[in-house]
């Protein structure tokens, strides 16, 4: 099972997945400001006694560096991957910026989706941009 979360100022959404990444087995939303930490919400998340989380990843509103987000957007508390890993009994928990998570979920564009502004050399590992608004 994979535990995933979208950690933001107004709400935190937690979901448990088993197989199909489009269909959560369990989903819960918590008002972020009513909780002291993400660990508190993870502990409240309704697990079955037989549920074994093998991996966890969270998208966090704020800059993530070295598995930590100290300066979270609209939250009074930091998010630390190592503390979450200990709470879940996992060797590691992945933290990503929430906009980066959004970019990973975008399908590669089809040729008709692109407009060439300046012809260059193709580079699969080149830059990409995501523009988002709240």
N, C-alpha and C. Protein backbone atom coordinates (compact mmCIF):
# COMPACT_ATOMS: atom_id res chain seq x y z
N UNK A 1 0.84 -1.18 0.00
CA UNK A 1 0.00 0.00 0.00
C UNK A 1 0.88 1.24 0.00
N UNK A 2 0.40 2.26 -0.67
CA UNK A 2 1.10 3.54 -0.75
C UNK A 2 0.24 4.60 -0.09
N UNK A 3 0.83 5.34 0.83
CA UNK A 3 0.16 6.47 1.46
C UNK A 3 0.66 7.73 0.76
N UNK A 4 -0.28 8.53 0.27
CA UNK A 4 0.08 9.77 -0.42
C UNK A 4 -0.72 10.91 0.18
N UNK A 5 -0.16 12.12 0.06
CA UNK A 5 -0.87 13.26 0.62
C UNK A 5 -0.59 14.54 -0.12
N UNK A 6 -1.58 15.42 -0.08
CA UNK A 6 -1.47 16.78 -0.60
C UNK A 6 -1.59 17.69 0.61
N UNK A 7 -0.46 18.30 1.00
CA UNK A 7 -0.39 19.05 2.24
C UNK A 7 -0.44 20.54 1.91
N UNK A 8 -1.52 21.19 2.33
CA UNK A 8 -1.68 22.60 2.01
C UNK A 8 -2.25 23.40 3.17
N UNK A 9 -2.31 24.71 2.97
CA UNK A 9 -2.78 25.64 3.99
C UNK A 9 -4.21 25.38 4.43
N UNK A 10 -5.16 25.38 3.51
CA UNK A 10 -6.52 25.16 4.00
C UNK A 10 -6.78 23.71 4.39
N UNK A 11 -6.37 22.76 3.55
CA UNK A 11 -6.68 21.35 3.80
C UNK A 11 -5.49 20.46 3.50
N UNK A 12 -5.52 19.31 4.15
CA UNK A 12 -4.58 18.22 3.87
C UNK A 12 -5.41 17.02 3.45
N UNK A 13 -5.06 16.46 2.30
CA UNK A 13 -5.75 15.28 1.80
C UNK A 13 -4.79 14.10 1.88
N UNK A 14 -5.24 13.02 2.49
CA UNK A 14 -4.46 11.80 2.58
C UNK A 14 -5.20 10.70 1.85
N UNK A 15 -4.46 9.85 1.14
CA UNK A 15 -5.07 8.76 0.40
C UNK A 15 -4.19 7.53 0.48
N UNK A 16 -4.83 6.39 0.47
CA UNK A 16 -4.15 5.11 0.50
C UNK A 16 -4.44 4.41 -0.83
N UNK A 17 -3.38 3.93 -1.49
CA UNK A 17 -3.51 3.30 -2.80
C UNK A 17 -2.96 1.88 -2.76
N UNK A 18 -3.61 1.01 -3.52
CA UNK A 18 -3.16 -0.37 -3.68
C UNK A 18 -3.34 -0.74 -5.14
N UNK A 19 -2.30 -0.60 -5.92
CA UNK A 19 -2.40 -0.93 -7.35
C UNK A 19 -2.71 0.28 -8.20
N UNK A 20 -3.97 0.50 -8.53
CA UNK A 20 -4.38 1.56 -9.45
C UNK A 20 -4.15 2.94 -8.81
N UNK A 21 -3.26 3.75 -9.38
CA UNK A 21 -2.97 5.06 -8.79
C UNK A 21 -4.10 6.08 -8.99
N UNK A 22 -5.11 5.71 -9.76
CA UNK A 22 -6.23 6.63 -9.98
C UNK A 22 -7.38 6.41 -9.01
N UNK A 23 -7.35 5.30 -8.29
CA UNK A 23 -8.46 4.95 -7.42
C UNK A 23 -7.97 4.69 -6.00
N UNK A 24 -8.16 5.64 -5.09
CA UNK A 24 -7.72 5.39 -3.71
C UNK A 24 -8.59 4.36 -3.01
N UNK A 25 -7.96 3.56 -2.17
CA UNK A 25 -8.67 2.60 -1.33
C UNK A 25 -9.35 3.35 -0.19
N UNK A 26 -8.70 4.40 0.29
CA UNK A 26 -9.23 5.20 1.38
C UNK A 26 -8.78 6.64 1.17
N UNK A 27 -9.65 7.58 1.49
CA UNK A 27 -9.37 9.00 1.28
C UNK A 27 -9.94 9.79 2.45
N UNK A 28 -9.17 10.76 2.95
CA UNK A 28 -9.65 11.61 4.04
C UNK A 28 -9.09 13.01 3.86
N UNK A 29 -9.88 14.01 4.25
CA UNK A 29 -9.47 15.41 4.19
C UNK A 29 -9.54 15.99 5.60
N UNK A 30 -8.47 16.72 5.97
CA UNK A 30 -8.38 17.32 7.30
C UNK A 30 -8.13 18.82 7.15
N UNK A 31 -8.79 19.66 7.95
CA UNK A 31 -8.45 21.09 7.98
C UNK A 31 -7.05 21.25 8.60
N UNK A 32 -6.09 21.70 7.83
CA UNK A 32 -4.69 21.75 8.28
C UNK A 32 -4.50 22.59 9.53
N UNK A 33 -5.19 23.70 9.63
CA UNK A 33 -4.97 24.61 10.76
C UNK A 33 -5.53 24.08 12.08
N UNK A 34 -6.32 23.03 12.01
CA UNK A 34 -6.86 22.43 13.23
C UNK A 34 -5.96 21.34 13.79
N UNK A 35 -4.77 21.17 13.18
CA UNK A 35 -3.86 20.12 13.62
C UNK A 35 -2.48 20.70 13.87
N UNK A 36 -1.76 20.05 14.77
CA UNK A 36 -0.42 20.50 15.18
C UNK A 36 0.68 20.06 14.22
N UNK A 37 0.41 19.01 13.42
CA UNK A 37 1.45 18.49 12.54
C UNK A 37 0.83 17.52 11.54
N UNK A 38 1.60 17.20 10.52
CA UNK A 38 1.18 16.18 9.57
C UNK A 38 1.17 14.80 10.24
N UNK A 39 2.12 14.57 11.13
CA UNK A 39 2.17 13.29 11.84
C UNK A 39 0.86 13.03 12.58
N UNK A 40 0.29 14.07 13.18
CA UNK A 40 -0.98 13.94 13.89
C UNK A 40 -2.09 13.48 12.94
N UNK A 41 -2.13 14.06 11.74
CA UNK A 41 -3.16 13.66 10.78
C UNK A 41 -2.94 12.24 10.28
N UNK A 42 -1.68 11.88 10.04
CA UNK A 42 -1.36 10.53 9.59
C UNK A 42 -1.79 9.51 10.65
N UNK A 43 -1.59 9.85 11.93
CA UNK A 43 -2.01 8.94 13.01
C UNK A 43 -3.53 8.80 13.06
N UNK A 44 -4.28 9.85 12.69
CA UNK A 44 -5.75 9.80 12.70
C UNK A 44 -6.31 9.14 11.45
N UNK A 45 -5.49 9.05 10.40
CA UNK A 45 -5.96 8.48 9.14
C UNK A 45 -6.46 7.06 9.38
N UNK A 46 -7.67 6.73 8.91
CA UNK A 46 -8.26 5.43 9.22
C UNK A 46 -7.63 4.26 8.46
N UNK A 47 -6.76 3.53 9.15
CA UNK A 47 -6.15 2.33 8.60
C UNK A 47 -6.92 1.11 9.07
N UNK A 48 -6.84 0.08 8.29
CA UNK A 48 -7.29 -1.23 8.74
C UNK A 48 -6.15 -1.82 9.57
N UNK A 49 -6.44 -2.64 10.57
CA UNK A 49 -5.36 -3.23 11.36
C UNK A 49 -4.37 -4.03 10.51
N UNK A 50 -4.83 -4.56 9.35
CA UNK A 50 -3.94 -5.35 8.49
C UNK A 50 -3.25 -4.52 7.41
N UNK A 51 -3.53 -3.23 7.37
CA UNK A 51 -2.92 -2.39 6.35
C UNK A 51 -1.43 -2.25 6.62
N UNK A 52 -0.65 -2.49 5.59
CA UNK A 52 0.80 -2.31 5.70
C UNK A 52 1.23 -1.30 4.65
N UNK A 53 1.59 -0.12 5.10
CA UNK A 53 2.07 0.91 4.19
C UNK A 53 3.53 0.60 3.87
N UNK A 54 3.81 0.43 2.58
CA UNK A 54 5.18 0.11 2.17
C UNK A 54 5.94 1.33 1.68
N UNK A 55 5.19 2.37 1.27
CA UNK A 55 5.81 3.61 0.78
C UNK A 55 4.90 4.78 1.09
N UNK A 56 5.52 5.97 1.18
CA UNK A 56 4.73 7.17 1.42
C UNK A 56 5.38 8.35 0.71
N UNK A 57 4.53 9.21 0.15
CA UNK A 57 5.00 10.40 -0.54
C UNK A 57 3.99 11.51 -0.32
N UNK A 58 4.50 12.72 -0.05
CA UNK A 58 3.62 13.85 0.23
C UNK A 58 4.05 15.06 -0.60
N UNK A 59 3.07 15.72 -1.21
CA UNK A 59 3.30 16.99 -1.90
C UNK A 59 3.00 18.10 -0.90
N UNK A 60 3.95 19.00 -0.72
CA UNK A 60 3.85 20.03 0.31
C UNK A 60 3.86 21.42 -0.32
N UNK A 61 2.99 22.29 0.18
CA UNK A 61 2.96 23.68 -0.29
C UNK A 61 4.12 24.43 0.36
N UNK A 62 5.22 24.51 -0.36
CA UNK A 62 6.41 25.21 0.14
C UNK A 62 7.66 24.55 -0.41
N UNK A 63 8.79 25.22 -0.22
CA UNK A 63 10.05 24.67 -0.75
C UNK A 63 10.52 23.46 0.06
N UNK A 64 10.86 22.39 -0.64
CA UNK A 64 11.34 21.17 0.00
C UNK A 64 12.83 21.04 -0.29
N UNK A 65 13.59 20.93 0.79
CA UNK A 65 15.05 20.77 0.66
C UNK A 65 15.50 19.70 1.63
N UNK A 66 16.25 18.74 1.12
CA UNK A 66 16.80 17.66 1.94
C UNK A 66 15.74 16.95 2.78
N UNK A 67 14.59 16.68 2.16
CA UNK A 67 13.54 15.95 2.85
C UNK A 67 12.79 16.74 3.91
N UNK A 68 12.89 18.08 3.83
CA UNK A 68 12.23 18.93 4.82
C UNK A 68 11.57 20.12 4.14
N UNK A 69 10.45 20.54 4.68
CA UNK A 69 9.82 21.79 4.27
C UNK A 69 9.59 22.59 5.55
N UNK A 70 10.50 23.52 5.80
CA UNK A 70 10.46 24.31 7.03
C UNK A 70 9.56 25.53 6.85
N UNK A 71 9.55 26.09 5.66
CA UNK A 71 8.79 27.31 5.39
C UNK A 71 7.55 26.95 4.57
N UNK A 72 6.57 26.30 5.22
CA UNK A 72 5.36 25.88 4.52
C UNK A 72 4.45 27.07 4.26
N UNK A 73 3.76 27.02 3.13
CA UNK A 73 2.85 28.09 2.75
C UNK A 73 1.54 27.95 3.52
N UNK A 74 1.18 28.98 4.27
CA UNK A 74 -0.08 29.03 5.04
C UNK A 74 -0.22 27.94 6.08
N UNK A 75 0.89 27.41 6.56
CA UNK A 75 0.86 26.43 7.65
C UNK A 75 1.77 26.92 8.77
N UNK A 76 1.41 26.59 10.00
CA UNK A 76 2.21 27.02 11.14
C UNK A 76 3.26 26.00 11.55
N UNK A 77 3.32 24.88 10.84
CA UNK A 77 4.24 23.83 11.22
C UNK A 77 5.03 23.31 10.02
N UNK A 78 6.26 22.84 10.29
CA UNK A 78 7.09 22.28 9.21
C UNK A 78 6.68 20.84 8.91
N UNK A 79 7.20 20.32 7.81
CA UNK A 79 7.00 18.92 7.44
C UNK A 79 8.38 18.31 7.27
N UNK A 80 8.62 17.21 7.99
CA UNK A 80 9.94 16.56 7.98
C UNK A 80 9.79 15.10 7.58
N UNK A 81 10.43 14.73 6.49
CA UNK A 81 10.36 13.36 6.00
C UNK A 81 10.85 12.34 6.99
N UNK A 82 11.92 12.64 7.72
CA UNK A 82 12.49 11.67 8.66
C UNK A 82 11.54 11.41 9.83
N UNK A 83 10.82 12.43 10.29
CA UNK A 83 9.86 12.26 11.39
C UNK A 83 8.67 11.44 10.90
N UNK A 84 8.21 11.71 9.68
CA UNK A 84 7.11 10.93 9.11
C UNK A 84 7.52 9.47 8.91
N UNK A 85 8.75 9.26 8.45
CA UNK A 85 9.24 7.90 8.24
C UNK A 85 9.24 7.13 9.56
N UNK A 86 9.69 7.76 10.63
CA UNK A 86 9.70 7.10 11.94
C UNK A 86 8.27 6.80 12.40
N UNK A 87 7.35 7.74 12.19
CA UNK A 87 5.96 7.54 12.60
C UNK A 87 5.30 6.39 11.83
N UNK A 88 5.69 6.21 10.57
CA UNK A 88 5.10 5.17 9.73
C UNK A 88 5.89 3.86 9.75
N UNK A 89 7.06 3.87 10.41
CA UNK A 89 7.89 2.67 10.43
C UNK A 89 8.50 2.36 9.09
N UNK A 90 8.82 3.42 8.32
CA UNK A 90 9.42 3.25 6.99
C UNK A 90 10.85 3.76 7.00
N UNK A 91 11.70 3.23 6.12
CA UNK A 91 13.08 3.74 6.06
C UNK A 91 13.15 5.17 5.53
N UNK A 92 12.22 5.52 4.65
CA UNK A 92 12.22 6.87 4.06
C UNK A 92 10.81 7.24 3.63
N UNK A 93 10.52 8.53 3.70
CA UNK A 93 9.28 9.10 3.18
C UNK A 93 9.68 10.20 2.22
N UNK A 94 9.09 10.21 1.05
CA UNK A 94 9.42 11.23 0.05
C UNK A 94 8.57 12.48 0.24
N UNK A 95 9.21 13.63 0.20
CA UNK A 95 8.53 14.92 0.21
C UNK A 95 8.89 15.65 -1.06
N UNK A 96 7.89 16.21 -1.74
CA UNK A 96 8.09 17.00 -2.94
C UNK A 96 7.28 18.28 -2.82
N UNK A 97 7.71 19.31 -3.50
CA UNK A 97 6.89 20.51 -3.60
C UNK A 97 5.61 20.15 -4.33
N UNK A 98 4.48 20.71 -3.91
CA UNK A 98 3.19 20.32 -4.50
C UNK A 98 3.09 20.65 -5.98
N UNK A 99 3.71 21.71 -6.42
CA UNK A 99 3.69 22.03 -7.84
C UNK A 99 4.54 21.03 -8.64
N UNK A 100 5.63 20.55 -8.05
CA UNK A 100 6.45 19.52 -8.70
C UNK A 100 5.63 18.24 -8.87
N UNK A 101 4.85 17.89 -7.85
CA UNK A 101 3.98 16.71 -7.94
C UNK A 101 2.99 16.88 -9.09
N UNK A 102 2.43 18.08 -9.19
CA UNK A 102 1.49 18.39 -10.27
C UNK A 102 2.16 18.18 -11.63
N UNK A 103 3.38 18.62 -11.78
CA UNK A 103 4.09 18.48 -13.05
C UNK A 103 4.33 17.01 -13.39
N UNK A 104 4.62 16.18 -12.39
CA UNK A 104 4.83 14.75 -12.64
C UNK A 104 3.56 14.07 -13.15
N UNK A 105 2.40 14.64 -12.83
CA UNK A 105 1.14 14.04 -13.23
C UNK A 105 0.66 14.45 -14.61
N UNK A 106 1.38 15.33 -15.26
CA UNK A 106 0.97 15.79 -16.59
C UNK A 106 1.50 14.83 -17.64
N UNK A 107 0.62 14.39 -18.52
CA UNK A 107 1.04 13.48 -19.60
C UNK A 107 1.93 14.24 -20.58
N UNK A 108 2.87 13.52 -21.19
CA UNK A 108 3.71 14.18 -22.21
C UNK A 108 2.84 14.74 -23.33
N UNK A 109 3.18 15.93 -23.83
CA UNK A 109 2.35 16.53 -24.88
C UNK A 109 2.47 15.79 -26.21
N UNK A 110 1.38 15.80 -26.94
CA UNK A 110 1.38 15.25 -28.30
C UNK A 110 1.99 16.30 -29.23
N UNK A 111 2.46 15.91 -30.41
CA UNK A 111 3.06 16.89 -31.33
C UNK A 111 2.14 18.08 -31.63
N UNK A 112 0.84 17.86 -31.71
CA UNK A 112 -0.10 18.95 -32.00
C UNK A 112 -0.26 19.92 -30.82
N UNK A 113 0.22 19.52 -29.63
CA UNK A 113 0.12 20.38 -28.45
C UNK A 113 1.24 21.41 -28.38
N UNK A 114 2.21 21.29 -29.26
CA UNK A 114 3.40 22.13 -29.18
C UNK A 114 3.44 23.18 -30.28
N UNK A 115 4.00 24.32 -29.94
CA UNK A 115 4.27 25.38 -30.92
C UNK A 115 5.74 25.77 -30.75
N UNK A 116 6.54 25.57 -31.77
CA UNK A 116 7.97 25.86 -31.70
C UNK A 116 8.19 27.37 -31.79
N UNK A 117 8.81 27.93 -30.78
CA UNK A 117 9.14 29.35 -30.77
C UNK A 117 10.53 29.59 -31.34
N UNK A 118 11.49 28.75 -30.94
CA UNK A 118 12.85 28.80 -31.45
C UNK A 118 13.32 27.37 -31.68
N UNK A 119 13.66 27.05 -32.92
CA UNK A 119 14.11 25.71 -33.23
C UNK A 119 15.41 25.42 -32.49
N UNK A 120 15.49 24.27 -31.88
CA UNK A 120 16.70 23.87 -31.17
C UNK A 120 16.92 22.39 -31.35
N UNK A 121 17.81 21.82 -30.56
CA UNK A 121 18.09 20.40 -30.62
C UNK A 121 17.22 19.68 -29.58
N UNK A 122 16.59 18.56 -29.97
CA UNK A 122 15.77 17.82 -28.99
C UNK A 122 16.62 17.35 -27.82
N UNK A 123 16.06 17.44 -26.62
CA UNK A 123 16.76 17.02 -25.41
C UNK A 123 15.72 16.47 -24.43
N UNK A 124 15.66 15.14 -24.33
CA UNK A 124 14.67 14.51 -23.47
C UNK A 124 14.83 14.94 -22.02
N UNK A 125 16.04 15.21 -21.60
CA UNK A 125 16.30 15.60 -20.21
C UNK A 125 16.31 17.12 -20.04
N UNK A 126 15.74 17.84 -20.99
CA UNK A 126 15.75 19.31 -20.92
C UNK A 126 14.76 19.85 -19.91
N UNK A 127 14.62 21.14 -19.91
CA UNK A 127 13.74 21.83 -18.97
C UNK A 127 12.29 21.71 -19.35
N UNK A 128 11.43 21.84 -18.34
CA UNK A 128 9.99 21.89 -18.53
C UNK A 128 9.45 22.97 -17.61
N UNK A 129 8.32 23.51 -17.95
CA UNK A 129 7.73 24.56 -17.12
C UNK A 129 6.27 24.22 -16.83
N UNK A 130 5.85 24.53 -15.61
CA UNK A 130 4.45 24.40 -15.22
C UNK A 130 4.03 25.73 -14.63
N UNK A 131 2.94 26.26 -15.13
CA UNK A 131 2.42 27.53 -14.60
C UNK A 131 1.12 27.20 -13.86
N UNK A 132 1.03 27.66 -12.62
CA UNK A 132 -0.12 27.31 -11.81
C UNK A 132 -0.65 28.56 -11.12
N UNK A 133 -1.94 28.56 -10.84
CA UNK A 133 -2.51 29.67 -10.08
C UNK A 133 -3.41 29.09 -9.01
N UNK A 134 -3.55 29.81 -7.95
CA UNK A 134 -4.35 29.32 -6.82
C UNK A 134 -5.82 29.63 -7.04
